[in-house]
Amino acid sequence: MGNATTYQNIATGIHNPKALQAVGSAVGANHIAYLIPCHRVIRKDGILGEYRWSAVRKKGMIGWEMAAADNQKE
């Protein structure tokens, strides 16, 4: 199970903290979301934001992962 990150963290991680739009475009262009989990990239204010396959699906995927992680703790 992976962790959520922000567009800002990714931009900083590639040593270009002003590249938020480029990061967003790259994340949005991900065609293999289940292998490269772009749904875990959220806004720095904690809002989930948009998702290539709908914001509702993004919220559902994150919720499913959180529930699965909780079940593993038990």
PDB file of N, CA and C in Angstrom:
ATOM      1  N   MET A   1       0.847  -1.168   0.000  1.00  0.00           N
ATOM      2  CA  MET A   1       0.000   0.000   0.000  1.00  0.00           C
ATOM      3  C   MET A   1       0.892   1.229   0.000  1.00  0.00           C
ATOM      4  N   GLY A   2       0.622   2.149  -0.888  1.00  0.00           N
ATOM      5  CA  GLY A   2       1.430   3.359  -0.996  1.00  0.00           C
ATOM      6  C   GLY A   2       0.861   4.506  -0.193  1.00  0.00           C
ATOM      7  N   ASN A   3       1.542   5.600  -0.251  1.00  0.00           N
ATOM      8  CA  ASN A   3       1.120   6.800   0.472  1.00  0.00           C
ATOM      9  C   ASN A   3       0.668   7.873  -0.499  1.00  0.00           C
ATOM     10  N   ALA A   4      -0.141   8.770  -0.010  1.00  0.00           N
ATOM     11  CA  ALA A   4      -0.539   9.924  -0.807  1.00  0.00           C
ATOM     12  C   ALA A   4       0.592  10.947  -0.809  1.00  0.00           C
ATOM     13  N   THR A   5       0.647  11.722  -1.856  1.00  0.00           N
ATOM     14  CA  THR A   5       1.608  12.812  -1.950  1.00  0.00           C
ATOM     15  C   THR A   5       0.911  13.984  -2.617  1.00  0.00           C
ATOM     16  N   THR A   6       1.605  15.083  -2.754  1.00  0.00           N
ATOM     17  CA  THR A   6       1.019  16.265  -3.382  1.00  0.00           C
ATOM     18  C   THR A   6       1.756  16.598  -4.671  1.00  0.00           C
ATOM     19  N   TYR A   7       1.093  17.375  -5.505  1.00  0.00           N
ATOM     20  CA  TYR A   7       1.726  17.849  -6.725  1.00  0.00           C
ATOM     21  C   TYR A   7       2.974  18.665  -6.362  1.00  0.00           C
ATOM     22  N   GLN A   8       2.885  19.432  -5.278  1.00  0.00           N
ATOM     23  CA  GLN A   8       4.016  20.235  -4.817  1.00  0.00           C
ATOM     24  C   GLN A   8       5.196  19.352  -4.413  1.00  0.00           C
ATOM     25  N   ASN A   9       4.928  18.268  -3.693  1.00  0.00           N
ATOM     26  CA  ASN A   9       6.005  17.357  -3.291  1.00  0.00           C
ATOM     27  C   ASN A   9       6.697  16.731  -4.497  1.00  0.00           C
ATOM     28  N   ILE A  10       5.920  16.380  -5.503  1.00  0.00           N
ATOM     29  CA  ILE A  10       6.521  15.803  -6.708  1.00  0.00           C
ATOM     30  C   ILE A  10       7.369  16.850  -7.418  1.00  0.00           C
ATOM     31  N   ALA A  11       6.841  18.057  -7.568  1.00  0.00           N
ATOM     32  CA  ALA A  11       7.597  19.125  -8.230  1.00  0.00           C
ATOM     33  C   ALA A  11       8.892  19.415  -7.479  1.00  0.00           C
ATOM     34  N   THR A  12       8.823  19.462  -6.171  1.00  0.00           N
ATOM     35  CA  THR A  12      10.032  19.677  -5.364  1.00  0.00           C
ATOM     36  C   THR A  12      10.987  18.507  -5.521  1.00  0.00           C
ATOM     37  N   GLY A  13      10.447  17.304  -5.568  1.00  0.00           N
ATOM     38  CA  GLY A  13      11.265  16.101  -5.709  1.00  0.00           C
ATOM     39  C   GLY A  13      12.033  16.032  -7.024  1.00  0.00           C
ATOM     40  N   ILE A  14      11.502  16.674  -8.065  1.00  0.00           N
ATOM     41  CA  ILE A  14      12.214  16.705  -9.347  1.00  0.00           C
ATOM     42  C   ILE A  14      13.029  17.990  -9.488  1.00  0.00           C
ATOM     43  N   HIS A  15      13.204  18.667  -8.359  1.00  0.00           N
ATOM     44  CA  HIS A  15      14.026  19.889  -8.285  1.00  0.00           C
ATOM     45  C   HIS A  15      13.500  21.013  -9.171  1.00  0.00           C
ATOM     46  N   ASN A  16      12.168  21.093  -9.265  1.00  0.00           N
ATOM     47  CA  ASN A  16      11.536  22.171 -10.023  1.00  0.00           C
ATOM     48  C   ASN A  16      10.231  22.542  -9.324  1.00  0.00           C
ATOM     49  N   PRO A  17      10.321  23.223  -8.163  1.00  0.00           N
ATOM     50  CA  PRO A  17       9.133  23.468  -7.345  1.00  0.00           C
ATOM     51  C   PRO A  17       8.051  24.321  -8.005  1.00  0.00           C
ATOM     52  N   LYS A  18       8.347  24.936  -9.118  1.00  0.00           N
ATOM     53  CA  LYS A  18       7.333  25.740  -9.819  1.00  0.00           C
ATOM     54  C   LYS A  18       6.638  24.952 -10.931  1.00  0.00           C
ATOM     55  N   ALA A  19       6.956  23.684 -11.060  1.00  0.00           N
ATOM     56  CA  ALA A  19       6.431  22.865 -12.157  1.00  0.00           C
ATOM     57  C   ALA A  19       5.106  22.189 -11.824  1.00  0.00           C
ATOM     58  N   LEU A  20       4.281  22.842 -11.037  1.00  0.00           N
ATOM     59  CA  LEU A  20       3.020  22.224 -10.618  1.00  0.00           C
ATOM     60  C   LEU A  20       2.127  21.864 -11.798  1.00  0.00           C
ATOM     61  N   GLN A  21       2.019  22.745 -12.774  1.00  0.00           N
ATOM     62  CA  GLN A  21       1.166  22.472 -13.924  1.00  0.00           C
ATOM     63  C   GLN A  21       1.714  21.305 -14.744  1.00  0.00           C
ATOM     64  N   ALA A  22       3.021  21.256 -14.915  1.00  0.00           N
ATOM     65  CA  ALA A  22       3.633  20.147 -15.656  1.00  0.00           C
ATOM     66  C   ALA A  22       3.423  18.822 -14.922  1.00  0.00           C
ATOM     67  N   VAL A  23       3.551  18.851 -13.617  1.00  0.00           N
ATOM     68  CA  VAL A  23       3.317  17.637 -12.824  1.00  0.00           C
ATOM     69  C   VAL A  23       1.865  17.202 -12.975  1.00  0.00           C
ATOM     70  N   GLY A  24       0.949  18.139 -12.871  1.00  0.00           N
ATOM     71  CA  GLY A  24      -0.465  17.820 -13.031  1.00  0.00           C
ATOM     72  C   GLY A  24      -0.773  17.231 -14.394  1.00  0.00           C
ATOM     73  N   SER A  25      -0.163  17.791 -15.435  1.00  0.00           N
ATOM     74  CA  SER A  25      -0.359  17.268 -16.794  1.00  0.00           C
ATOM     75  C   SER A  25       0.202  15.861 -16.930  1.00  0.00           C
ATOM     76  N   ALA A  26       1.377  15.639 -16.362  1.00  0.00           N
ATOM     77  CA  ALA A  26       1.991  14.313 -16.437  1.00  0.00           C
ATOM     78  C   ALA A  26       1.158  13.281 -15.683  1.00  0.00           C
ATOM     79  N   VAL A  27       0.688  13.640 -14.510  1.00  0.00           N
ATOM     80  CA  VAL A  27      -0.146  12.726 -13.726  1.00  0.00           C
ATOM     81  C   VAL A  27      -1.440  12.439 -14.481  1.00  0.00           C
ATOM     82  N   GLY A  28      -2.020  13.464 -15.071  1.00  0.00           N
ATOM     83  CA  GLY A  28      -3.260  13.299 -15.823  1.00  0.00           C
ATOM     84  C   GLY A  28      -3.109  12.469 -17.084  1.00  0.00           C
ATOM     85  N   ALA A  29      -1.907  12.396 -17.616  1.00  0.00           N
ATOM     86  CA  ALA A  29      -1.657  11.628 -18.835  1.00  0.00           C
ATOM     87  C   ALA A  29      -1.355  10.162 -18.556  1.00  0.00           C
ATOM     88  N   ASN A  30      -1.356   9.756 -17.304  1.00  0.00           N
ATOM     89  CA  ASN A  30      -1.042   8.379 -16.933  1.00  0.00           C
ATOM     90  C   ASN A  30      -2.134   7.437 -17.439  1.00  0.00           C
ATOM     91  N   HIS A  31      -1.771   6.536 -18.335  1.00  0.00           N
ATOM     92  CA  HIS A  31      -2.732   5.591 -18.905  1.00  0.00           C
ATOM     93  C   HIS A  31      -2.778   4.265 -18.159  1.00  0.00           C
ATOM     94  N   ILE A  32      -1.878   4.065 -17.222  1.00  0.00           N
ATOM     95  CA  ILE A  32      -1.826   2.794 -16.493  1.00  0.00           C
ATOM     96  C   ILE A  32      -1.920   3.046 -14.991  1.00  0.00           C
ATOM     97  N   ALA A  33      -3.026   3.641 -14.599  1.00  0.00           N
ATOM     98  CA  ALA A  33      -3.201   4.122 -13.236  1.00  0.00           C
ATOM     99  C   ALA A  33      -3.096   3.042 -12.165  1.00  0.00           C
ATOM    100  N   TYR A  34      -3.454   1.818 -12.489  1.00  0.00           N
ATOM    101  CA  TYR A  34      -3.370   0.786 -11.454  1.00  0.00           C
ATOM    102  C   TYR A  34      -1.933   0.329 -11.221  1.00  0.00           C
ATOM    103  N   LEU A  35      -1.056   0.531 -12.196  1.00  0.00           N
ATOM    104  CA  LEU A  35       0.352   0.195 -12.036  1.00  0.00           C
ATOM    105  C   LEU A  35       1.142   1.374 -11.479  1.00  0.00           C
ATOM    106  N   ILE A  36       0.782   2.571 -11.917  1.00  0.00           N
ATOM    107  CA  ILE A  36       1.392   3.807 -11.419  1.00  0.00           C
ATOM    108  C   ILE A  36       0.256   4.599 -10.779  1.00  0.00           C
ATOM    109  N   PRO A  37       0.098   4.489  -9.468  1.00  0.00           N
ATOM    110  CA  PRO A  37      -1.100   4.994  -8.786  1.00  0.00           C
ATOM    111  C   PRO A  37      -1.193   6.518  -8.686  1.00  0.00           C
ATOM    112  N   CYS A  38      -1.552   7.142  -9.800  1.00  0.00           N
ATOM    113  CA  CYS A  38      -1.652   8.599  -9.823  1.00  0.00           C
ATOM    114  C   CYS A  38      -2.824   9.111  -8.988  1.00  0.00           C
ATOM    115  N   HIS A  39      -3.760   8.250  -8.627  1.00  0.00           N
ATOM    116  CA  HIS A  39      -4.891   8.690  -7.808  1.00  0.00           C
ATOM    117  C   HIS A  39      -4.449   9.131  -6.415  1.00  0.00           C
ATOM    118  N   ARG A  40      -3.235   8.787  -6.021  1.00  0.00           N
ATOM    119  CA  ARG A  40      -2.736   9.151  -4.701  1.00  0.00           C
ATOM    120  C   ARG A  40      -2.123  10.548  -4.659  1.00  0.00           C
ATOM    121  N   VAL A  41      -2.108  11.243  -5.777  1.00  0.00           N
ATOM    122  CA  VAL A  41      -1.574  12.608  -5.818  1.00  0.00           C
ATOM    123  C   VAL A  41      -2.736  13.563  -5.559  1.00  0.00           C
ATOM    124  N   ILE A  42      -2.591  14.359  -4.497  1.00  0.00           N
ATOM    125  CA  ILE A  42      -3.655  15.273  -4.097  1.00  0.00           C
ATOM    126  C   ILE A  42      -3.106  16.696  -4.005  1.00  0.00           C
ATOM    127  N   ARG A  43      -3.998  17.644  -3.830  1.00  0.00           N
ATOM    128  CA  ARG A  43      -3.573  19.039  -3.672  1.00  0.00           C
ATOM    129  C   ARG A  43      -2.975  19.234  -2.286  1.00  0.00           C
ATOM    130  N   LYS A  44      -2.101  20.223  -2.152  1.00  0.00           N
ATOM    131  CA  LYS A  44      -1.434  20.435  -0.866  1.00  0.00           C
ATOM    132  C   LYS A  44      -2.392  20.885   0.229  1.00  0.00           C
ATOM    133  N   ASP A  45      -3.572  21.381  -0.146  1.00  0.00           N
ATOM    134  CA  ASP A  45      -4.566  21.774   0.850  1.00  0.00           C
ATOM    135  C   ASP A  45      -5.420  20.586   1.307  1.00  0.00           C
ATOM    136  N   GLY A  46      -5.094  19.380   0.808  1.00  0.00           N
ATOM    137  CA  GLY A  46      -5.791  18.165   1.222  1.00  0.00           C
ATOM    138  C   GLY A  46      -6.983  17.798   0.355  1.00  0.00           C
ATOM    139  N   ILE A  47      -7.367  18.670  -0.552  1.00  0.00           N
ATOM    140  CA  ILE A  47      -8.476  18.370  -1.458  1.00  0.00           C
ATOM    141  C   ILE A  47      -7.999  17.354  -2.480  1.00  0.00           C
ATOM    142  N   LEU A  48      -8.808  16.344  -2.749  1.00  0.00           N
ATOM    143  CA  LEU A  48      -8.396  15.280  -3.655  1.00  0.00           C
ATOM    144  C   LEU A  48      -8.131  15.768  -5.063  1.00  0.00           C
ATOM    145  N   GLY A  49      -8.937  16.682  -5.559  1.00  0.00           N
ATOM    146  CA  GLY A  49      -8.744  17.204  -6.908  1.00  0.00           C
ATOM    147  C   GLY A  49      -9.341  16.292  -7.961  1.00  0.00           C
ATOM    148  N   GLU A  50      -9.054  16.599  -9.204  1.00  0.00           N
ATOM    149  CA  GLU A  50      -9.614  15.862 -10.331  1.00  0.00           C
ATOM    150  C   GLU A  50      -8.861  14.553 -10.560  1.00  0.00           C
ATOM    151  N   TYR A  51      -9.408  13.751 -11.460  1.00  0.00           N
ATOM    152  CA  TYR A  51      -8.809  12.467 -11.793  1.00  0.00           C
ATOM    153  C   TYR A  51      -9.240  12.121 -13.205  1.00  0.00           C
ATOM    154  N   ARG A  52      -8.352  11.557 -13.969  1.00  0.00           N
ATOM    155  CA  ARG A  52      -8.605  11.226 -15.380  1.00  0.00           C
ATOM    156  C   ARG A  52      -9.910  10.451 -15.563  1.00  0.00           C
ATOM    157  N   TRP A  53     -10.211   9.542 -14.640  1.00  0.00           N
ATOM    158  CA  TRP A  53     -11.390   8.694 -14.756  1.00  0.00           C
ATOM    159  C   TRP A  53     -12.508   9.115 -13.810  1.00  0.00           C
ATOM    160  N   SER A  54     -12.511  10.309 -13.342  1.00  0.00           N
ATOM    161  CA  SER A  54     -13.530  10.984 -12.521  1.00  0.00           C
ATOM    162  C   SER A  54     -13.087  11.115 -11.060  1.00  0.00           C
ATOM    163  N   ALA A  55     -13.453  12.238 -10.485  1.00  0.00           N
ATOM    164  CA  ALA A  55     -13.124  12.515  -9.084  1.00  0.00           C
ATOM    165  C   ALA A  55     -13.812  11.511  -8.161  1.00  0.00           C
ATOM    166  N   VAL A  56     -15.000  11.039  -8.543  1.00  0.00           N
ATOM    167  CA  VAL A  56     -15.727  10.057  -7.741  1.00  0.00           C
ATOM    168  C   VAL A  56     -14.937   8.752  -7.662  1.00  0.00           C
ATOM    169  N   ARG A  57     -14.375   8.329  -8.788  1.00  0.00           N
ATOM    170  CA  ARG A  57     -13.580   7.092  -8.799  1.00  0.00           C
ATOM    171  C   ARG A  57     -12.321   7.258  -7.954  1.00  0.00           C
ATOM    172  N   LYS A  58     -11.682   8.440  -8.048  1.00  0.00           N
ATOM    173  CA  LYS A  58     -10.478   8.710  -7.255  1.00  0.00           C
ATOM    174  C   LYS A  58     -10.792   8.599  -5.767  1.00  0.00           C
ATOM    175  N   LYS A  59     -11.873   9.212  -5.357  1.00  0.00           N
ATOM    176  CA  LYS A  59     -12.280   9.157  -3.948  1.00  0.00           C
ATOM    177  C   LYS A  59     -12.575   7.720  -3.527  1.00  0.00           C
ATOM    178  N   GLY A  60     -13.233   6.971  -4.391  1.00  0.00           N
ATOM    179  CA  GLY A  60     -13.541   5.584  -4.086  1.00  0.00           C
ATOM    180  C   GLY A  60     -12.295   4.721  -3.955  1.00  0.00           C
ATOM    181  N   MET A  61     -11.325   4.937  -4.845  1.00  0.00           N
ATOM    182  CA  MET A  61     -10.091   4.155  -4.798  1.00  0.00           C
ATOM    183  C   MET A  61      -9.309   4.450  -3.522  1.00  0.00           C
ATOM    184  N   ILE A  62      -9.226   5.721  -3.161  1.00  0.00           N
ATOM    185  CA  ILE A  62      -8.517   6.089  -1.935  1.00  0.00           C
ATOM    186  C   ILE A  62      -9.246   5.521  -0.720  1.00  0.00           C
ATOM    187  N   GLY A  63     -10.566   5.595  -0.721  1.00  0.00           N
ATOM    188  CA  GLY A  63     -11.352   5.032   0.373  1.00  0.00           C
ATOM    189  C   GLY A  63     -11.173   3.530   0.484  1.00  0.00           C
ATOM    190  N   TRP A  64     -11.167   2.823  -0.643  1.00  0.00           N
ATOM    191  CA  TRP A  64     -10.962   1.376  -0.640  1.00  0.00           C
ATOM    192  C   TRP A  64      -9.591   1.027  -0.071  1.00  0.00           C
ATOM    193  N   GLU A  65      -8.561   1.777  -0.491  1.00  0.00           N
ATOM    194  CA  GLU A  65      -7.216   1.524   0.020  1.00  0.00           C
ATOM    195  C   GLU A  65      -7.125   1.781   1.524  1.00  0.00           C
ATOM    196  N   MET A  66      -7.785   2.840   1.983  1.00  0.00           N
ATOM    197  CA  MET A  66      -7.764   3.138   3.422  1.00  0.00           C
ATOM    198  C   MET A  66      -8.462   2.027   4.201  1.00  0.00           C
ATOM    199  N   ALA A  67      -9.583   1.539   3.687  1.00  0.00           N
ATOM    200  CA  ALA A  67     -10.307   0.455   4.360  1.00  0.00           C
ATOM    201  C   ALA A  67      -9.465  -0.820   4.371  1.00  0.00           C
ATOM    202  N   ALA A  68      -8.799  -1.112   3.276  1.00  0.00           N
ATOM    203  CA  ALA A  68      -7.950  -2.296   3.199  1.00  0.00           C
ATOM    204  C   ALA A  68      -6.784  -2.187   4.189  1.00  0.00           C
ATOM    205  N   ALA A  69      -6.217  -0.995   4.310  1.00  0.00           N
ATOM    206  CA  ALA A  69      -5.115  -0.789   5.255  1.00  0.00           C
ATOM    207  C   ALA A  69      -5.600  -0.967   6.685  1.00  0.00           C
ATOM    208  N   ASP A  70      -6.800  -0.471   6.984  1.00  0.00           N
ATOM    209  CA  ASP A  70      -7.368  -0.648   8.331  1.00  0.00           C
ATOM    210  C   ASP A  70      -7.599  -2.117   8.636  1.00  0.00           C
ATOM    211  N   ASN A  71      -8.066  -2.867   7.654  1.00  0.00           N
ATOM    212  CA  ASN A  71      -8.312  -4.301   7.844  1.00  0.00           C
ATOM    213  C   ASN A  71      -7.026  -5.061   8.087  1.00  0.00           C
ATOM    214  N   GLN A  72      -5.930  -4.617   7.481  1.00  0.00           N
ATOM    215  CA  GLN A  72      -4.641  -5.284   7.677  1.00  0.00           C
ATOM    216  C   GLN A  72      -4.108  -5.046   9.090  1.00  0.00           C
ATOM    217  N   LYS A  73      -4.486  -3.932   9.703  1.00  0.00           N
ATOM    218  CA  LYS A  73      -4.031  -3.603  11.061  1.00  0.00           C
ATOM    219  C   LYS A  73      -4.677  -4.499  12.100  1.00  0.00           C
ATOM    220  N   GLU A  74      -5.862  -4.986  11.792  1.00  0.00           N
ATOM    221  CA  GLU A  74      -6.628  -5.776  12.770  1.00  0.00           C
ATOM    222  C   GLU A  74      -6.126  -7.183  12.901  1.00  0.00           C
TER     223      GLU A  74
END
